Amino acid sequence: MGKRKEWKLDTQFRCPFCGHGTSVECRIFKKIQIGEAFCWNCFERFCTQIHALTEPIDIYAEWIDACERANNN
């Protein structure tokens, strides 16, 4: 029996503003505890504070939640 393949989470996502697929890249800067989501197509950007367990999908999900809150208000 071999070791099972470990699935990695995505780091590129669809932009909520321009809708371009895989144009949003999430980066984690652990030294300064900042997470950034940036669209290479329309240049929209979102930054948030992170902790030790934060993954790129968490940053993207926070961005989507912030967009929904802004649209509802």
Protein backbone atom coordinates (compact mmCIF):
# COMPACT_ATOMS: atom_id res chain seq x y z
CA MET A 1 0.00 0.00 0.00
CA GLY A 2 1.34 3.38 -0.99
CA LYS A 3 0.75 6.76 0.47
CA ARG A 4 -2.47 8.44 -0.63
CA LYS A 5 -2.25 11.49 -2.85
CA GLU A 6 -2.88 14.67 -0.91
CA TRP A 7 -5.27 17.07 -2.65
CA LYS A 8 -4.20 20.71 -2.68
CA LEU A 9 -6.66 23.57 -2.43
CA ASP A 10 -6.92 26.04 -5.30
CA THR A 11 -5.09 29.37 -5.18
CA GLN A 12 -6.72 30.92 -8.28
CA PHE A 13 -10.41 31.78 -8.51
CA ARG A 14 -13.08 33.56 -10.59
CA CYS A 15 -13.22 37.35 -10.15
CA PRO A 16 -16.50 38.62 -8.62
CA PHE A 17 -16.19 41.90 -10.57
CA CYS A 18 -15.14 41.00 -14.12
CA GLY A 19 -16.16 37.31 -14.01
CA HIS A 20 -12.93 36.12 -15.62
CA GLY A 21 -12.12 32.56 -14.57
CA THR A 22 -8.87 31.90 -12.68
CA SER A 23 -7.80 35.55 -12.79
CA VAL A 24 -7.88 36.03 -9.01
CA GLU A 25 -4.74 34.94 -7.22
CA CYS A 26 -4.59 34.76 -3.43
CA ARG A 27 -1.34 35.36 -1.59
CA ILE A 28 -0.47 34.98 2.07
CA PHE A 29 2.14 37.16 3.76
CA LYS A 30 2.67 35.38 7.08
CA LYS A 31 5.29 37.80 8.45
CA ILE A 32 2.90 40.75 8.36
CA GLN A 33 -0.27 38.61 8.79
CA ILE A 34 -1.98 39.89 5.65
CA GLY A 35 -3.84 37.95 3.00
CA GLU A 36 -4.42 39.45 -0.44
CA ALA A 37 -6.71 38.54 -3.32
CA PHE A 38 -5.85 40.29 -6.60
CA CYS A 39 -7.46 40.09 -10.06
CA TRP A 40 -4.96 40.21 -12.92
CA ASN A 41 -7.71 41.14 -15.40
CA CYS A 42 -9.53 44.11 -13.80
CA PHE A 43 -6.96 44.92 -11.06
CA GLU A 44 -9.45 44.71 -8.16
CA ARG A 45 -7.79 43.95 -4.84
CA PHE A 46 -8.91 42.76 -1.40
CA CYS A 47 -6.75 42.55 1.74
CA THR A 48 -7.58 41.01 5.09
CA GLN A 49 -5.88 39.97 8.31
CA ILE A 50 -4.94 36.31 8.56
CA HIS A 51 -3.89 33.81 11.21
CA ALA A 52 -1.75 30.68 11.19
CA LEU A 53 -4.46 28.41 9.72
CA THR A 54 -5.63 30.69 6.90
CA GLU A 55 -5.65 29.21 3.39
CA PRO A 56 -6.13 31.05 0.06
CA ILE A 57 -9.74 29.83 -0.18
CA ASP A 58 -10.44 31.59 3.15
CA ILE A 59 -9.23 34.92 1.74
CA TYR A 60 -11.36 34.50 -1.38
CA ALA A 61 -14.42 33.56 0.70
CA GLU A 62 -13.97 36.67 2.85
CA TRP A 63 -13.79 38.78 -0.32
CA ILE A 64 -17.02 37.26 -1.65
CA ASP A 65 -18.72 37.84 1.73
CA ALA A 66 -17.54 41.48 1.77
CA CYS A 67 -18.94 41.99 -1.75
CA GLU A 68 -22.31 40.53 -0.71
CA ARG A 69 -22.44 42.77 2.39
CA ALA A 70 -21.66 45.84 0.25
CA ASN A 71 -24.38 44.90 -2.26
CA ASN A 72 -27.00 44.35 0.46
CA ASN A 73 -26.40 47.75 2.09
